[in-house]
C-alpha atoms as a PDB file:
ATOM      1  CA  MET A   1     -29.773   4.725   3.204  1.00  0.00           C
ATOM      2  CA  MET A   2     -26.415   6.030   2.897  1.00  0.00           C
ATOM      3  CA  LEU A   3     -26.044   6.887   6.347  1.00  0.00           C
ATOM      4  CA  GLU A   4     -26.762   3.606   7.448  1.00  0.00           C
ATOM      5  CA  PHE A   5     -24.351   2.149   5.142  1.00  0.00           C
ATOM      6  CA  ALA A   6     -21.842   4.338   6.368  1.00  0.00           C
ATOM      7  CA  LEU A   7     -22.607   3.661   9.610  1.00  0.00           C
ATOM      8  CA  ARG A   8     -22.082  -0.227   9.249  1.00  0.00           C
ATOM      9  CA  ARG A   9     -18.544   0.181   7.968  1.00  0.00           C
ATOM     10  CA  VAL A  10     -17.812   2.636  10.960  1.00  0.00           C
ATOM     11  CA  SER A  11     -18.318   0.031  13.446  1.00  0.00           C
ATOM     12  CA  LEU A  12     -17.037  -2.234  11.086  1.00  0.00           C
ATOM     13  CA  LEU A  13     -13.697  -0.135  11.173  1.00  0.00           C
ATOM     14  CA  VAL A  14     -14.244   0.066  14.962  1.00  0.00           C
ATOM     15  CA  PHE A  15     -13.661  -3.687  15.403  1.00  0.00           C
ATOM     16  CA  MET A  16     -11.137  -4.395  12.910  1.00  0.00           C
ATOM     17  CA  LEU A  17      -9.047  -1.730  14.990  1.00  0.00           C
ATOM     18  CA  PHE A  18     -10.197  -3.335  18.187  1.00  0.00           C
ATOM     19  CA  THR A  19      -8.813  -6.970  16.998  1.00  0.00           C
ATOM     20  CA  LEU A  20      -5.524  -5.347  15.538  1.00  0.00           C
ATOM     21  CA  SER A  21      -4.910  -3.577  19.076  1.00  0.00           C
ATOM     22  CA  VAL A  22      -5.907  -6.789  21.052  1.00  0.00           C
ATOM     23  CA  PHE A  23      -3.498  -8.702  18.487  1.00  0.00           C
ATOM     24  CA  THR A  24      -0.401  -6.049  18.902  1.00  0.00           C
ATOM     25  CA  PHE A  25      -0.920  -5.924  22.560  1.00  0.00           C
ATOM     26  CA  SER A  26      -0.525  -9.737  22.826  1.00  0.00           C
ATOM     27  CA  LEU A  27       2.750  -9.661  20.928  1.00  0.00           C
ATOM     28  CA  GLY A  28       4.431  -7.757  23.628  1.00  0.00           C
ATOM     29  CA  TYR A  29       3.346 -11.561  25.738  1.00  0.00           C
ATOM     30  CA  LEU A  30       4.355 -13.571  22.613  1.00  0.00           C
ATOM     31  CA  PHE A  31       7.494 -12.092  21.683  1.00  0.00           C
ATOM     32  CA  PRO A  32      10.379 -14.118  23.787  1.00  0.00           C
ATOM     33  CA  GLY A  33      11.811 -12.496  26.670  1.00  0.00           C
ATOM     34  CA  ASP A  34      10.392 -10.055  29.328  1.00  0.00           C
ATOM     35  CA  PRO A  35       7.095  -8.536  28.302  1.00  0.00           C
ATOM     36  CA  LEU A  36       8.138  -5.234  29.759  1.00  0.00           C
ATOM     37  CA  THR A  37      10.986  -5.048  27.800  1.00  0.00           C
ATOM     38  CA  ASN A  38       9.122  -5.782  24.659  1.00  0.00           C
ATOM     39  CA  PHE A  39       6.483  -2.873  25.633  1.00  0.00           C
ATOM     40  CA  SER A  40       9.423  -0.346  26.191  1.00  0.00           C
ATOM     41  CA  GLY A  41      12.422  -1.154  24.336  1.00  0.00           C
ATOM     42  CA  ILE A  42      14.579  -0.638  27.211  1.00  0.00           C
ATOM     43  CA  GLU A  43      16.964  -3.956  27.514  1.00  0.00           C
ATOM     44  CA  THR A  44      19.692  -2.218  30.140  1.00  0.00           C
ATOM     45  CA  ALA A  45      17.273  -0.959  32.705  1.00  0.00           C
ATOM     46  CA  GLY A  46      18.443  -0.518  36.314  1.00  0.00           C
ATOM     47  CA  PHE A  47      16.329  -1.795  39.484  1.00  0.00           C
ATOM     48  CA  SER A  48      14.988   2.055  39.919  1.00  0.00           C
ATOM     49  CA  GLN A  49      14.384   2.191  36.249  1.00  0.00           C
ATOM     50  CA  THR A  50      12.441  -1.558  36.120  1.00  0.00           C
ATOM     51  CA  ALA A  51      10.220  -0.407  39.537  1.00  0.00           C
ATOM     52  CA  GLN A  52       9.040   3.189  37.669  1.00  0.00           C
ATOM     53  CA  LEU A  53       8.710   1.132  34.395  1.00  0.00           C
ATOM     54  CA  GLN A  54       6.473  -1.563  35.923  1.00  0.00           C
ATOM     55  CA  GLN A  55       4.392   1.227  37.447  1.00  0.00           C
ATOM     56  CA  GLN A  56       4.260   3.266  34.253  1.00  0.00           C
ATOM     57  CA  TYR A  57       2.952   0.147  32.124  1.00  0.00           C
ATOM     58  CA  HIS A  58       1.159  -1.158  34.962  1.00  0.00           C
ATOM     59  CA  MET A  59       3.162  -4.445  34.856  1.00  0.00           C
ATOM     60  CA  ASP A  60       2.072  -5.512  38.307  1.00  0.00           C
ATOM     61  CA  ASP A  61      -2.115  -4.916  37.149  1.00  0.00           C
ATOM     62  CA  GLY A  62      -4.303  -7.065  35.244  1.00  0.00           C
ATOM     63  CA  TYR A  63      -4.422  -7.676  31.508  1.00  0.00           C
ATOM     64  CA  VAL A  64      -7.034  -5.177  30.838  1.00  0.00           C
ATOM     65  CA  THR A  65      -5.288  -2.524  32.843  1.00  0.00           C
ATOM     66  CA  GLN A  66      -2.355  -3.006  30.926  1.00  0.00           C
ATOM     67  CA  TYR A  67      -4.461  -2.832  27.763  1.00  0.00           C
ATOM     68  CA  PHE A  68      -6.059   0.167  27.933  1.00  0.00           C
ATOM     69  CA  ALA A  69      -2.617   1.547  28.945  1.00  0.00           C
ATOM     70  CA  PHE A  70      -1.240   0.660  26.032  1.00  0.00           C
ATOM     71  CA  LEU A  71      -4.094   2.326  23.894  1.00  0.00           C
ATOM     72  CA  GLY A  72      -3.168   5.430  25.836  1.00  0.00           C
ATOM     73  CA  ARG A  73       0.549   5.095  25.170  1.00  0.00           C
ATOM     74  CA  ILE A  74      -0.567   4.332  20.838  1.00  0.00           C
ATOM     75  CA  MET A  75      -2.623   7.412  20.626  1.00  0.00           C
ATOM     76  CA  GLN A  76       0.244   9.610  22.423  1.00  0.00           C
ATOM     77  CA  GLY A  77       2.530   8.464  20.172  1.00  0.00           C
ATOM     78  CA  ASP A  78       4.910   5.989  22.758  1.00  0.00           C
ATOM     79  CA  TRP A  79       5.623   3.079  20.904  1.00  0.00           C
ATOM     80  CA  GLY A  80       8.557   2.285  22.964  1.00  0.00           C
ATOM     81  CA  LEU A  81      12.117   2.084  21.649  1.00  0.00           C
ATOM     82  CA  SER A  82      13.903   0.009  18.802  1.00  0.00           C
ATOM     83  CA  PHE A  83      16.549  -2.514  20.589  1.00  0.00           C
ATOM     84  CA  ALA A  84      18.530  -1.735  17.196  1.00  0.00           C
ATOM     85  CA  SER A  85      18.802   1.920  17.341  1.00  0.00           C
ATOM     86  CA  GLY A  86      17.480   3.073  20.500  1.00  0.00           C
ATOM     87  CA  ASP A  87      15.236   5.567  18.805  1.00  0.00           C
ATOM     88  CA  GLY A  88      11.405   5.772  19.484  1.00  0.00           C
ATOM     89  CA  VAL A  89       9.570   3.430  16.960  1.00  0.00           C
ATOM     90  CA  PHE A  90       6.890   5.899  16.389  1.00  0.00           C
ATOM     91  CA  GLY A  91       9.569   8.443  14.946  1.00  0.00           C
ATOM     92  CA  HIS A  92      11.067   5.331  12.867  1.00  0.00           C
ATOM     93  CA  VAL A  93       7.501   5.000  11.450  1.00  0.00           C
ATOM     94  CA  LEU A  94       7.120   8.769  10.662  1.00  0.00           C
ATOM     95  CA  ASP A  95      10.290   9.115   9.105  1.00  0.00           C
ATOM     96  CA  LEU A  96      10.080   5.681   6.428  1.00  0.00           C
ATOM     97  CA  ALA A  97       6.358   5.839   5.732  1.00  0.00           C
ATOM     98  CA  PRO A  98       6.641   8.254   3.415  1.00  0.00           C
ATOM     99  CA  ALA A  99       8.573   6.355   0.897  1.00  0.00           C
ATOM    100  CA  THR A 100       6.684   3.536   0.905  1.00  0.00           C
ATOM    101  CA  PHE A 101       3.930   5.612  -0.049  1.00  0.00           C
ATOM    102  CA  GLU A 102       5.466   7.316  -2.673  1.00  0.00           C
ATOM    103  CA  LEU A 103       6.600   4.296  -3.950  1.00  0.00           C
ATOM    104  CA  ALA A 104       3.044   2.735  -4.203  1.00  0.00           C
ATOM    105  CA  ILE A 105       1.311   5.967  -5.286  1.00  0.00           C
ATOM    106  CA  TYR A 106       3.717   5.986  -8.385  1.00  0.00           C
ATOM    107  CA  ALA A 107       3.116   2.392  -8.837  1.00  0.00           C
ATOM    108  CA  LEU A 108      -0.456   2.652  -8.638  1.00  0.00           C
ATOM    109  CA  PHE A 109      -0.312   5.204 -11.283  1.00  0.00           C
ATOM    110  CA  VAL A 110       1.761   3.500 -13.563  1.00  0.00           C
ATOM    111  CA  SER A 111      -1.003   0.462 -12.990  1.00  0.00           C
ATOM    112  CA  VAL A 112      -3.916   2.574 -13.529  1.00  0.00           C
ATOM    113  CA  LEU A 113      -2.046   4.193 -17.014  1.00  0.00           C
ATOM    114  CA  ALA A 114      -1.407   0.878 -18.060  1.00  0.00           C
ATOM    115  CA  GLY A 115      -3.843  -1.738 -16.537  1.00  0.00           C
ATOM    116  CA  VAL A 116      -7.198   0.160 -17.687  1.00  0.00           C
ATOM    117  CA  PRO A 117      -6.566   1.061 -21.384  1.00  0.00           C
ATOM    118  CA  ALA A 118      -5.166  -2.373 -22.069  1.00  0.00           C
ATOM    119  CA  GLY A 119      -8.611  -3.950 -20.542  1.00  0.00           C
ATOM    120  CA  VAL A 120     -10.778  -1.754 -22.435  1.00  0.00           C
ATOM    121  CA  ILE A 121      -8.430  -2.972 -25.849  1.00  0.00           C
ATOM    122  CA  ALA A 122      -8.524  -6.259 -24.782  1.00  0.00           C
ATOM    123  CA  ALA A 123     -13.003  -6.363 -24.381  1.00  0.00           C
ATOM    124  CA  LEU A 124     -13.246  -4.226 -27.948  1.00  0.00           C
ATOM    125  CA  SER A 125     -11.228  -6.728 -29.533  1.00  0.00           C
ATOM    126  CA  HIS A 126     -12.736  -9.863 -27.722  1.00  0.00           C
ATOM    127  CA  GLY A 127     -11.602 -13.227 -29.208  1.00  0.00           C
ATOM    128  CA  ARG A 128      -9.108 -11.679 -31.948  1.00  0.00           C
ATOM    129  CA  TRP A 129      -5.411 -11.198 -31.906  1.00  0.00           C
ATOM    130  CA  GLY A 130      -5.453  -7.774 -29.603  1.00  0.00           C
ATOM    131  CA  ASP A 131      -7.508  -9.777 -27.117  1.00  0.00           C
ATOM    132  CA  LYS A 132      -5.300 -13.006 -27.110  1.00  0.00           C
ATOM    133  CA  LEU A 133      -2.078 -11.136 -27.091  1.00  0.00           C
ATOM    134  CA  ILE A 134      -3.392  -9.011 -23.811  1.00  0.00           C
ATOM    135  CA  SER A 135      -4.519 -11.827 -22.107  1.00  0.00           C
ATOM    136  CA  GLY A 136      -1.075 -13.574 -22.595  1.00  0.00           C
ATOM    137  CA  PHE A 137       0.533 -10.499 -21.454  1.00  0.00           C
ATOM    138  CA  THR A 138      -1.533 -10.375 -18.107  1.00  0.00           C
ATOM    139  CA  LEU A 139      -0.842 -14.126 -17.142  1.00  0.00           C
ATOM    140  CA  VAL A 140       2.534 -14.071 -17.148  1.00  0.00           C
ATOM    141  CA  GLY A 141       2.267 -10.856 -15.484  1.00  0.00           C
ATOM    142  CA  TYR A 142       0.512 -12.533 -13.058  1.00  0.00           C
ATOM    143  CA  SER A 143       2.514 -15.540 -12.610  1.00  0.00           C
ATOM    144  CA  VAL A 144       5.667 -14.040 -12.682  1.00  0.00           C
ATOM    145  CA  PRO A 145       7.209 -13.728  -8.839  1.00  0.00           C
ATOM    146  CA  ILE A 146       7.821 -10.064  -7.932  1.00  0.00           C
ATOM    147  CA  PHE A 147      11.154 -10.990  -6.687  1.00  0.00           C
ATOM    148  CA  TRP A 148      12.149 -12.773  -9.715  1.00  0.00           C
ATOM    149  CA  LEU A 149      11.221 -10.009 -11.913  1.00  0.00           C
ATOM    150  CA  ALA A 150      13.346  -7.763  -9.792  1.00  0.00           C
ATOM    151  CA  LEU A 151      16.275  -9.600  -9.464  1.00  0.00           C
ATOM    152  CA  LEU A 152      16.196 -10.213 -13.615  1.00  0.00           C
ATOM    153  CA  LEU A 153      15.669  -6.443 -14.231  1.00  0.00           C
ATOM    154  CA  ILE A 154      19.001  -5.808 -11.824  1.00  0.00           C
ATOM    155  CA  MET A 155      20.907  -8.171 -13.542  1.00  0.00           C
ATOM    156  CA  VAL A 156      19.849  -7.022 -17.506  1.00  0.00           C
ATOM    157  CA  PHE A 157      19.307  -3.164 -16.997  1.00  0.00           C
ATOM    158  CA  CYS A 158      21.746  -2.182 -13.993  1.00  0.00           C
ATOM    159  CA  LEU A 159      24.404  -5.220 -14.168  1.00  0.00           C
ATOM    160  CA  GLN A 160      24.036  -5.462 -17.855  1.00  0.00           C
ATOM    161  CA  LEU A 161      23.442  -2.298 -19.493  1.00  0.00           C
ATOM    162  CA  GLY A 162      24.129   0.034 -16.870  1.00  0.00           C
ATOM    163  CA  LEU A 163      20.970   2.246 -17.589  1.00  0.00           C
ATOM    164  CA  PHE A 164      19.941   2.132 -13.920  1.00  0.00           C
ATOM    165  CA  PRO A 165      20.841   2.450 -10.344  1.00  0.00           C
ATOM    166  CA  MET A 166      20.364  -0.422  -8.548  1.00  0.00           C
ATOM    167  CA  SER A 167      19.553   0.874  -4.943  1.00  0.00           C
ATOM    168  CA  GLY A 168      18.121   3.927  -3.078  1.00  0.00           C
ATOM    169  CA  ARG A 169      16.014   6.883  -3.556  1.00  0.00           C
ATOM    170  CA  ILE A 170      18.727   9.338  -5.019  1.00  0.00           C
ATOM    171  CA  SER A 171      22.667   9.354  -5.398  1.00  0.00           C
ATOM    172  CA  LEU A 172      24.667  10.330  -2.460  1.00  0.00           C
ATOM    173  CA  LEU A 173      26.247  13.409  -4.790  1.00  0.00           C
ATOM    174  CA  TYR A 174      22.637  15.226  -3.745  1.00  0.00           C
ATOM    175  CA  GLU A 175      21.855  16.564  -0.717  1.00  0.00           C
ATOM    176  CA  ILE A 176      18.056  17.311  -0.413  1.00  0.00           C
ATOM    177  CA  PRO A 177      16.409  18.504   2.622  1.00  0.00           C
ATOM    178  CA  ALA A 178      13.658  16.475   4.267  1.00  0.00           C
ATOM    179  CA  TYR A 179      10.587  18.124   4.399  1.00  0.00           C
ATOM    180  CA  SER A 180       7.797  15.622   4.015  1.00  0.00           C
ATOM    181  CA  ASN A 181      10.299  12.188   3.667  1.00  0.00           C
ATOM    182  CA  PHE A 182       8.480  12.469  -0.224  1.00  0.00           C
ATOM    183  CA  ILE A 183      11.313  12.650  -2.259  1.00  0.00           C
ATOM    184  CA  LEU A 184      10.005  14.142  -5.377  1.00  0.00           C
ATOM    185  CA  LEU A 185       8.273  16.782  -3.364  1.00  0.00           C
ATOM    186  CA  ASP A 186      11.064  17.562  -1.154  1.00  0.00           C
ATOM    187  CA  ILE A 187      13.331  18.150  -4.343  1.00  0.00           C
ATOM    188  CA  MET A 188      10.414  20.609  -5.431  1.00  0.00           C
ATOM    189  CA  VAL A 189       9.918  22.628  -2.413  1.00  0.00           C
ATOM    190  CA  ALA A 190      13.268  22.791  -2.625  1.00  0.00           C
ATOM    191  CA  GLY A 191      13.336  24.611  -5.690  1.00  0.00           C
ATOM    192  CA  PHE A 192      14.712  22.092  -8.034  1.00  0.00           C
ATOM    193  CA  PRO A 193      18.680  22.290  -6.753  1.00  0.00           C
ATOM    194  CA  TYR A 194      21.427  21.748  -9.002  1.00  0.00           C
ATOM    195  CA  GLY A 195      19.922  22.641 -11.776  1.00  0.00           C
ATOM    196  CA  GLY A 196      17.017  20.161 -12.028  1.00  0.00           C
ATOM    197  CA  LEU A 197      19.964  16.952 -12.076  1.00  0.00           C
ATOM    198  CA  ALA A 198      18.232  16.069  -8.168  1.00  0.00           C
ATOM    199  CA  PHE A 199      15.194  15.304  -9.716  1.00  0.00           C
ATOM    200  CA  ALA A 200      16.257  13.678 -12.851  1.00  0.00           C
ATOM    201  CA  ASP A 201      18.327  11.305 -10.523  1.00  0.00           C
ATOM    202  CA  ALA A 202      15.638  10.559  -8.237  1.00  0.00           C
ATOM    203  CA  LEU A 203      12.977   9.918 -11.315  1.00  0.00           C
ATOM    204  CA  HIS A 204      16.348   7.824 -12.216  1.00  0.00           C
ATOM    205  CA  HIS A 205      16.393   5.630  -9.341  1.00  0.00           C
ATOM    206  CA  LEU A 206      12.573   5.412  -8.691  1.00  0.00           C
ATOM    207  CA  ALA A 207      11.998   4.155 -12.487  1.00  0.00           C
ATOM    208  CA  LEU A 208      12.733   0.323 -11.798  1.00  0.00           C
ATOM    209  CA  PRO A 209      11.239  -0.071  -8.382  1.00  0.00           C
ATOM    210  CA  THR A 210       8.338   1.424  -9.461  1.00  0.00           C
ATOM    211  CA  LEU A 211       7.956  -0.625 -12.694  1.00  0.00           C
ATOM    212  CA  VAL A 212       7.919  -3.926 -10.821  1.00  0.00           C
ATOM    213  CA  LEU A 213       5.801  -3.312  -8.289  1.00  0.00           C
ATOM    214  CA  ALA A 214       3.502  -1.774 -10.481  1.00  0.00           C
ATOM    215  CA  THR A 215       3.280  -5.447 -12.483  1.00  0.00           C
ATOM    216  CA  TYR A 216       0.838  -7.515 -10.621  1.00  0.00           C
ATOM    217  CA  PRO A 217      -1.787  -4.075  -9.993  1.00  0.00           C
ATOM    218  CA  THR A 218      -1.676  -3.669 -13.827  1.00  0.00           C
ATOM    219  CA  THR A 219      -2.365  -7.426 -14.620  1.00  0.00           C
ATOM    220  CA  VAL A 220      -5.438  -7.643 -12.129  1.00  0.00           C
ATOM    221  CA  LEU A 221      -6.458  -4.260 -13.823  1.00  0.00           C
ATOM    222  CA  ILE A 222      -6.475  -5.175 -16.908  1.00  0.00           C
ATOM    223  CA  ARG A 223      -8.552  -8.396 -16.004  1.00  0.00           C
ATOM    224  CA  PHE A 224     -10.788  -6.568 -13.925  1.00  0.00           C
ATOM    225  CA  THR A 225     -11.241  -3.675 -16.758  1.00  0.00           C
ATOM    226  CA  ARG A 226     -11.879  -6.363 -19.620  1.00  0.00           C
ATOM    227  CA  ASP A 227     -14.333  -8.567 -17.233  1.00  0.00           C
ATOM    228  CA  SER A 228     -16.467  -5.326 -16.463  1.00  0.00           C
ATOM    229  CA  MET A 229     -16.206  -3.972 -20.031  1.00  0.00           C
ATOM    230  CA  LEU A 230     -17.453  -7.160 -21.585  1.00  0.00           C
ATOM    231  CA  ASN A 231     -20.255  -7.208 -19.137  1.00  0.00           C
ATOM    232  CA  VAL A 232     -21.260  -3.800 -19.976  1.00  0.00           C
ATOM    233  CA  LEU A 233     -21.308  -4.385 -23.512  1.00  0.00           C
ATOM    234  CA  ASP A 234     -23.616  -7.423 -23.203  1.00  0.00           C
ATOM    235  CA  GLN A 235     -26.234  -5.442 -21.468  1.00  0.00           C
ATOM    236  CA  ASN A 236     -29.554  -4.981 -22.994  1.00  0.00           C
ATOM    237  CA  TYR A 237     -29.450  -0.962 -22.622  1.00  0.00           C
ATOM    238  CA  ILE A 238     -26.039  -1.133 -25.421  1.00  0.00           C
ATOM    239  CA  LYS A 239     -28.117  -3.616 -27.377  1.00  0.00           C
ATOM    240  CA  THR A 240     -31.205  -1.086 -27.797  1.00  0.00           C
ATOM    241  CA  ALA A 241     -28.492   1.740 -27.971  1.00  0.00           C
ATOM    242  CA  ARG A 242     -26.474  -0.062 -30.577  1.00  0.00           C
ATOM    243  CA  ALA A 243     -29.921  -0.696 -32.940  1.00  0.00           C
ATOM    244  CA  LYS A 244     -30.780   2.940 -32.850  1.00  0.00           C
ATOM    245  CA  GLY A 245     -27.961   3.454 -35.156  1.00  0.00           C
ATOM    246  CA  LEU A 246     -25.199   4.732 -32.213  1.00  0.00           C
ATOM    247  CA  SER A 247     -21.826   4.771 -33.433  1.00  0.00           C
ATOM    248  CA  ARG A 248     -19.311   2.159 -32.115  1.00  0.00           C
ATOM    249  CA  ARG A 249     -17.518   5.662 -30.657  1.00  0.00           C
ATOM    250  CA  GLN A 250     -20.530   6.831 -28.755  1.00  0.00           C
ATOM    251  CA  LEU A 251     -21.585   3.328 -27.412  1.00  0.00           C
ATOM    252  CA  ILE A 252     -17.944   3.239 -25.902  1.00  0.00           C
ATOM    253  CA  PHE A 253     -17.588   6.507 -24.882  1.00  0.00           C
ATOM    254  CA  HIS A 254     -20.855   7.768 -23.862  1.00  0.00           C
ATOM    255  CA  HIS A 255     -22.473   4.446 -22.372  1.00  0.00           C
ATOM    256  CA  ALA A 256     -20.497   1.514 -21.688  1.00  0.00           C
ATOM    257  CA  LEU A 257     -17.225   2.726 -20.541  1.00  0.00           C
ATOM    258  CA  ARG A 258     -18.517   5.241 -17.678  1.00  0.00           C
ATOM    259  CA  ASN A 259     -20.583   2.542 -16.295  1.00  0.00           C
ATOM    260  CA  ALA A 260     -17.600   0.091 -16.602  1.00  0.00           C
ATOM    261  CA  LEU A 261     -14.806   2.063 -14.782  1.00  0.00           C
ATOM    262  CA  LEU A 262     -17.503   1.855 -11.518  1.00  0.00           C
ATOM    263  CA  PRO A 263     -16.154  -1.142 -10.363  1.00  0.00           C
ATOM    264  CA  VAL A 264     -12.364  -0.548 -11.540  1.00  0.00           C
ATOM    265  CA  ILE A 265     -12.645   2.380  -9.229  1.00  0.00           C
ATOM    266  CA  LYS A 266     -13.060   0.308  -6.187  1.00  0.00           C
ATOM    267  CA  GLN A 267     -10.527  -2.288  -7.576  1.00  0.00           C
ATOM    268  CA  ILE A 268      -7.840   0.493  -7.825  1.00  0.00           C
ATOM    269  CA  GLY A 269      -8.628   1.330  -3.783  1.00  0.00           C
ATOM    270  CA  LEU A 270      -8.035  -2.302  -2.896  1.00  0.00           C
ATOM    271  CA  GLN A 271      -4.637  -2.572  -5.283  1.00  0.00           C
ATOM    272  CA  PHE A 272      -3.410   0.495  -3.527  1.00  0.00           C
ATOM    273  CA  SER A 273      -3.459  -1.530  -0.153  1.00  0.00           C
ATOM    274  CA  ALA A 274      -2.247  -4.492  -2.112  1.00  0.00           C
ATOM    275  CA  LEU A 275       0.668  -2.517  -3.061  1.00  0.00           C
ATOM    276  CA  ILE A 276       1.810  -1.695   0.612  1.00  0.00           C
ATOM    277  CA  THR A 277       2.205  -5.635   1.668  1.00  0.00           C
ATOM    278  CA  LEU A 278       4.221  -5.940  -1.919  1.00  0.00           C
ATOM    279  CA  ALA A 279       6.117  -2.964  -1.752  1.00  0.00           C
ATOM    280  CA  MET A 280       8.197  -4.516   1.233  1.00  0.00           C
ATOM    281  CA  ILE A 281       9.442  -7.245  -1.080  1.00  0.00           C
ATOM    282  CA  THR A 282      10.550  -4.502  -3.739  1.00  0.00           C
ATOM    283  CA  GLU A 283      11.955  -2.525  -0.793  1.00  0.00           C
ATOM    284  CA  VAL A 284      14.522  -5.025   0.048  1.00  0.00           C
ATOM    285  CA  ILE A 285      15.591  -5.824  -2.976  1.00  0.00           C
ATOM    286  CA  PHE A 286      16.424  -2.264  -4.419  1.00  0.00           C
ATOM    287  CA  SER A 287      17.217  -1.234  -0.897  1.00  0.00           C
ATOM    288  CA  TRP A 288      14.185   1.533  -1.026  1.00  0.00           C
ATOM    289  CA  PRO A 289      14.661   3.135   2.649  1.00  0.00           C
ATOM    290  CA  GLY A 290      11.010   2.817   3.353  1.00  0.00           C
ATOM    291  CA  ILE A 291       9.376   1.226   5.961  1.00  0.00           C
ATOM    292  CA  GLY A 292       8.847  -2.394   4.578  1.00  0.00           C
ATOM    293  CA  ARG A 293      12.704  -2.807   4.330  1.00  0.00           C
ATOM    294  CA  TRP A 294      12.797  -1.685   8.065  1.00  0.00           C
ATOM    295  CA  LEU A 295      10.047  -3.741   9.167  1.00  0.00           C
ATOM    296  CA  ILE A 296      12.186  -6.933   7.466  1.00  0.00           C
ATOM    297  CA  ASP A 297      15.597  -5.920   9.024  1.00  0.00           C
ATOM    298  CA  SER A 298      13.792  -5.623  12.329  1.00  0.00           C
ATOM    299  CA  ILE A 299      12.338  -9.332  12.170  1.00  0.00           C
ATOM    300  CA  TYR A 300      15.864  -9.930  11.310  1.00  0.00           C
ATOM    301  CA  GLN A 301      17.414  -8.522  14.461  1.00  0.00           C
ATOM    302  CA  ARG A 302      14.768  -9.669  16.623  1.00  0.00           C
ATOM    303  CA  ASP A 303      13.924  -6.278  17.036  1.00  0.00           C
ATOM    304  CA  PHE A 304      10.192  -6.990  18.986  1.00  0.00           C
ATOM    305  CA  PRO A 305       9.043  -3.145  19.686  1.00  0.00           C
ATOM    306  CA  ALA A 306       9.742  -2.328  16.151  1.00  0.00           C
ATOM    307  CA  ILE A 307       7.953  -5.168  14.729  1.00  0.00           C
ATOM    308  CA  GLN A 308       5.236  -4.609  16.708  1.00  0.00           C
ATOM    309  CA  GLY A 309       5.183  -0.844  15.771  1.00  0.00           C
ATOM    310  CA  GLY A 310       6.189  -1.734  11.875  1.00  0.00           C
ATOM    311  CA  LEU A 311       3.217  -4.775  12.074  1.00  0.00           C
ATOM    312  CA  LEU A 312       0.363  -1.931  13.732  1.00  0.00           C
ATOM    313  CA  ALA A 313       1.341   0.994  11.155  1.00  0.00           C
ATOM    314  CA  ILE A 314       0.928  -0.900   8.263  1.00  0.00           C
ATOM    315  CA  SER A 315      -1.987  -2.827   9.062  1.00  0.00           C
ATOM    316  CA  VAL A 316      -4.034   0.553  10.026  1.00  0.00           C
ATOM    317  CA  PHE A 317      -3.403   2.115   6.698  1.00  0.00           C
ATOM    318  CA  ILE A 318      -4.386  -0.983   4.931  1.00  0.00           C
ATOM    319  CA  ILE A 319      -7.772  -0.730   7.285  1.00  0.00           C
ATOM    320  CA  PHE A 320      -8.468   2.480   6.389  1.00  0.00           C
ATOM    321  CA  ALA A 321      -7.504   2.177   3.082  1.00  0.00           C
ATOM    322  CA  THR A 322     -10.060  -0.388   2.406  1.00  0.00           C
ATOM    323  CA  ILE A 323     -12.564   1.081   4.336  1.00  0.00           C
ATOM    324  CA  ILE A 324     -12.390   4.381   2.588  1.00  0.00           C
ATOM    325  CA  THR A 325     -12.136   2.783  -1.132  1.00  0.00           C
ATOM    326  CA  GLU A 326     -15.629   1.465  -0.188  1.00  0.00           C
ATOM    327  CA  LEU A 327     -17.277   4.114   0.987  1.00  0.00           C
ATOM    328  CA  LEU A 328     -16.065   6.021  -1.931  1.00  0.00           C
ATOM    329  CA  TYR A 329     -17.022   3.175  -4.429  1.00  0.00           C
ATOM    330  CA  THR A 330     -20.538   3.401  -2.560  1.00  0.00           C
ATOM    331  CA  LEU A 331     -20.780   7.367  -2.845  1.00  0.00           C
ATOM    332  CA  LEU A 332     -20.324   7.182  -6.839  1.00  0.00           C
ATOM    333  CA  ASP A 333     -22.341   4.042  -7.707  1.00  0.00           C
ATOM    334  CA  PRO A 334     -25.724   3.921  -5.659  1.00  0.00           C
ATOM    335  CA  ILE A 335     -26.723   0.390  -6.824  1.00  0.00           C
ATOM    336  CA  SER A 336     -24.166  -1.235  -4.966  1.00  0.00           C
ATOM    337  CA  ARG A 337     -25.691   0.655  -1.605  1.00  0.00           C
ATOM    338  CA  ASN A 338     -28.928  -1.620  -2.405  1.00  0.00           C
ATOM    339  CA  GLN A 339     -26.575  -4.842  -3.052  1.00  0.00           C
ATOM    340  CA  ALA A 340     -25.176  -4.410   0.197  1.00  0.00           C
ATOM    341  CA  HIS A 341     -28.303  -3.387   2.398  1.00  0.00           C
ATOM    342  CA  GLY A 342     -28.053  -5.515   5.089  1.00  0.00           C
ATOM    343  CA  LYS A 343     -24.633  -6.765   5.195  1.00  0.00           C
ATOM    344  CA  VAL A 344     -21.966  -5.902   7.784  1.00  0.00           C
END
């Protein structure tokens, strides 16, 4: 049954990637201007170069032929040239995506570290002041717009108190070789240069963007963990174990917690996908050099090849992250396979 479920999810993945590729290909015709220019990114081509590009991109053939040629270029890493920089779009994606993933990973770590224990505490103190306090914080955090929270923290902690930097990943004083474009990893690979001050400075720059980005998924995890824990505590086997004389500690850690956290694992993976989209706003406000900020700048600059490539990269990652999360959750929870049997 697990194999059948995996095949269903793989077929869904193929369908979603096909739909995404068709949409991305259509953008070349939906954007203003010449489709050949939108696909190639070359704005000032001569007569001979234009004829060569038309042959290379099969512009004189049908849409189906052009689509398969487009897929071939995507697989080869030929995503066209950026109008703004003149460099390859695929190269920009490879250089900037690690900064976005780094920010999302640390924000997810903070969310799990704060959200899951807080949700458990809220469930165990159901109806008392602890539950009301945590639920009130969750409601406020869920309702506050992320851009407003970011600007508020910048105004207080950067401009008023001067405790944190306002922008960037690291100060200009430090020159770190880019091995992986994950700044903390690059600093560790470089052997903690400058006596470890560069590592501390990178963490200093990372603090506020991570806190802002982690706010929304933290509130979601608190609410989801609380509801899951309350649902498990209301099950008959928990009542039976309590009647047998098991202590509250044994009930929580040996029976309730491990079952309540299974649905939370799936939610953690889904929140990681949501963090990628939320990171776009955070990157713009904190001038974080990631793919989200680059994509927003490309929209302002009407850089159509960059918009096309940026949307493709982000969408592919979100699709893969969602499918992998569901497969891992199903692998850990056999009951979900029975519930999902027959569903696409």
